[in-house]
């Protein structure tokens, strides 16, 4: 993911948008895992950020690569913080 952040300035608009959407998917996945661990606040925050990134992906990709890079760095920091707190991935989940 860090490589994507570093290459976003040199990418074209379509590639930037794809990178942003990929980060949004990762945040959504982290949000679902957070629910399994009982981290409702993180789940809500990461899901909201993922939705905002997905909705504004076109605008972020077109206007200013520096803004897009900053948003991706924030998303990456959120995911890194969650992974540090819960280093083991969820293999399966079921809600009863």
C-alpha atoms as a PDB file:
ATOM      1  CA  UNK A   1       0.000   0.000   0.000  1.00  0.00           C
ATOM      2  CA  UNK A   2       2.856   2.367   0.767  1.00  0.00           C
ATOM      3  CA  UNK A   3       4.134   1.961  -2.797  1.00  0.00           C
ATOM      4  CA  UNK A   4       0.760   3.146  -4.083  1.00  0.00           C
ATOM      5  CA  UNK A   5       1.005   6.313  -2.020  1.00  0.00           C
ATOM      6  CA  UNK A   6       4.460   7.076  -3.381  1.00  0.00           C
ATOM      7  CA  UNK A   7       3.427   6.538  -7.015  1.00  0.00           C
ATOM      8  CA  UNK A   8       0.157   8.470  -6.933  1.00  0.00           C
ATOM      9  CA  UNK A   9       1.759  11.754  -8.047  1.00  0.00           C
ATOM     10  CA  UNK A  10       3.154  10.148 -11.188  1.00  0.00           C
ATOM     11  CA  UNK A  11      -0.003   8.207 -12.023  1.00  0.00           C
ATOM     12  CA  UNK A  12      -2.619   9.310 -14.498  1.00  0.00           C
ATOM     13  CA  UNK A  13      -6.161  10.152 -13.393  1.00  0.00           C
ATOM     14  CA  UNK A  14      -7.610   6.676 -13.967  1.00  0.00           C
ATOM     15  CA  UNK A  15      -4.774   5.025 -12.049  1.00  0.00           C
ATOM     16  CA  UNK A  16      -5.133   7.503  -9.175  1.00  0.00           C
ATOM     17  CA  UNK A  17      -8.841   6.813  -8.953  1.00  0.00           C
ATOM     18  CA  UNK A  18      -8.199   3.067  -8.913  1.00  0.00           C
ATOM     19  CA  UNK A  19      -5.644   3.448  -6.102  1.00  0.00           C
ATOM     20  CA  UNK A  20      -8.102   5.509  -4.060  1.00  0.00           C
ATOM     21  CA  UNK A  21     -10.875   2.949  -4.527  1.00  0.00           C
ATOM     22  CA  UNK A  22      -8.472   0.135  -3.553  1.00  0.00           C
ATOM     23  CA  UNK A  23      -7.670   1.949  -0.325  1.00  0.00           C
ATOM     24  CA  UNK A  24     -11.410   2.386   0.306  1.00  0.00           C
ATOM     25  CA  UNK A  25     -11.886  -1.373  -0.091  1.00  0.00           C
ATOM     26  CA  UNK A  26      -9.103  -2.047   2.403  1.00  0.00           C
ATOM     27  CA  UNK A  27     -10.689   0.346   4.882  1.00  0.00           C
ATOM     28  CA  UNK A  28     -14.049  -1.380   4.463  1.00  0.00           C
ATOM     29  CA  UNK A  29     -12.410  -4.734   5.141  1.00  0.00           C
ATOM     30  CA  UNK A  30     -10.693  -3.320   8.234  1.00  0.00           C
ATOM     31  CA  UNK A  31     -14.062  -1.946   9.342  1.00  0.00           C
ATOM     32  CA  UNK A  32     -15.635  -5.393   9.132  1.00  0.00           C
ATOM     33  CA  UNK A  33     -12.745  -6.939  11.057  1.00  0.00           C
ATOM     34  CA  UNK A  34     -13.051  -4.231  13.701  1.00  0.00           C
ATOM     35  CA  UNK A  35     -16.663  -5.212  14.282  1.00  0.00           C
ATOM     36  CA  UNK A  36     -15.545  -8.780  14.950  1.00  0.00           C
ATOM     37  CA  UNK A  37     -13.098  -7.513  17.556  1.00  0.00           C
ATOM     38  CA  UNK A  38     -15.724  -5.265  19.136  1.00  0.00           C
ATOM     39  CA  UNK A  39     -14.140  -2.005  18.009  1.00  0.00           C
ATOM     40  CA  UNK A  40     -17.314  -0.187  17.014  1.00  0.00           C
ATOM     41  CA  UNK A  41     -15.794   3.291  16.935  1.00  0.00           C
ATOM     42  CA  UNK A  42     -12.980   2.253  14.615  1.00  0.00           C
ATOM     43  CA  UNK A  43     -15.437   0.324  12.449  1.00  0.00           C
ATOM     44  CA  UNK A  44     -17.660   3.374  12.090  1.00  0.00           C
ATOM     45  CA  UNK A  45     -14.790   5.752  11.463  1.00  0.00           C
ATOM     46  CA  UNK A  46     -13.080   3.563   8.854  1.00  0.00           C
ATOM     47  CA  UNK A  47     -16.361   2.755   7.091  1.00  0.00           C
ATOM     48  CA  UNK A  48     -17.184   6.465   6.931  1.00  0.00           C
ATOM     49  CA  UNK A  49     -13.753   7.318   5.571  1.00  0.00           C
ATOM     50  CA  UNK A  50     -13.997   4.511   3.004  1.00  0.00           C
ATOM     51  CA  UNK A  51     -17.386   5.787   1.858  1.00  0.00           C
ATOM     52  CA  UNK A  52     -16.102   9.358   1.582  1.00  0.00           C
ATOM     53  CA  UNK A  53     -13.082   8.188  -0.392  1.00  0.00           C
ATOM     54  CA  UNK A  54     -15.236   6.121  -2.740  1.00  0.00           C
ATOM     55  CA  UNK A  55     -17.722   8.955  -3.313  1.00  0.00           C
ATOM     56  CA  UNK A  56     -14.979  11.539  -3.929  1.00  0.00           C
ATOM     57  CA  UNK A  57     -12.496   9.295  -5.747  1.00  0.00           C
ATOM     58  CA  UNK A  58     -13.040  11.014  -9.086  1.00  0.00           C
ATOM     59  CA  UNK A  59     -12.600  14.491  -7.634  1.00  0.00           C
ATOM     60  CA  UNK A  60      -9.529  13.486  -5.602  1.00  0.00           C
ATOM     61  CA  UNK A  61      -7.942  11.853  -8.632  1.00  0.00           C
ATOM     62  CA  UNK A  62      -8.539  14.803 -10.945  1.00  0.00           C
ATOM     63  CA  UNK A  63      -7.859  17.886  -8.889  1.00  0.00           C
ATOM     64  CA  UNK A  64      -4.802  17.744  -6.689  1.00  0.00           C
ATOM     65  CA  UNK A  65      -2.502  14.716  -6.324  1.00  0.00           C
ATOM     66  CA  UNK A  66      -1.124  16.137  -3.060  1.00  0.00           C
ATOM     67  CA  UNK A  67      -4.589  16.040  -1.474  1.00  0.00           C
ATOM     68  CA  UNK A  68      -5.099  12.481  -2.665  1.00  0.00           C
ATOM     69  CA  UNK A  69      -1.718  11.511  -1.273  1.00  0.00           C
ATOM     70  CA  UNK A  70      -2.608  13.039   2.107  1.00  0.00           C
ATOM     71  CA  UNK A  71      -5.930  11.180   2.238  1.00  0.00           C
ATOM     72  CA  UNK A  72      -4.190   7.906   1.403  1.00  0.00           C
ATOM     73  CA  UNK A  73      -1.589   8.515   4.091  1.00  0.00           C
ATOM     74  CA  UNK A  74      -4.348   9.051   6.656  1.00  0.00           C
ATOM     75  CA  UNK A  75      -6.130   5.888   5.554  1.00  0.00           C
ATOM     76  CA  UNK A  76      -2.878   3.950   5.686  1.00  0.00           C
ATOM     77  CA  UNK A  77      -2.152   5.252   9.178  1.00  0.00           C
ATOM     78  CA  UNK A  78      -5.602   4.171  10.369  1.00  0.00           C
ATOM     79  CA  UNK A  79      -5.123   0.668   8.976  1.00  0.00           C
ATOM     80  CA  UNK A  80      -1.598   0.410  10.421  1.00  0.00           C
ATOM     81  CA  UNK A  81      -2.852   1.452  13.848  1.00  0.00           C
ATOM     82  CA  UNK A  82      -5.589  -1.187  13.741  1.00  0.00           C
ATOM     83  CA  UNK A  83      -3.175  -3.879  12.540  1.00  0.00           C
ATOM     84  CA  UNK A  84      -0.784  -3.013  15.354  1.00  0.00           C
ATOM     85  CA  UNK A  85      -3.559  -3.428  17.922  1.00  0.00           C
ATOM     86  CA  UNK A  86      -4.910  -6.625  16.324  1.00  0.00           C
ATOM     87  CA  UNK A  87      -2.086  -8.317  14.387  1.00  0.00           C
ATOM     88  CA  UNK A  88      -3.989 -11.539  13.689  1.00  0.00           C
ATOM     89  CA  UNK A  89      -6.328 -11.522  10.725  1.00  0.00           C
ATOM     90  CA  UNK A  90      -9.884 -12.764  10.959  1.00  0.00           C
ATOM     91  CA  UNK A  91     -10.249 -15.979   8.958  1.00  0.00           C
ATOM     92  CA  UNK A  92     -14.002 -16.363   9.217  1.00  0.00           C
ATOM     93  CA  UNK A  93     -16.773 -14.467  10.876  1.00  0.00           C
ATOM     94  CA  UNK A  94     -20.374 -15.071  11.682  1.00  0.00           C
ATOM     95  CA  UNK A  95     -22.818 -12.887  13.490  1.00  0.00           C
ATOM     96  CA  UNK A  96     -25.518 -14.507  15.587  1.00  0.00           C
END
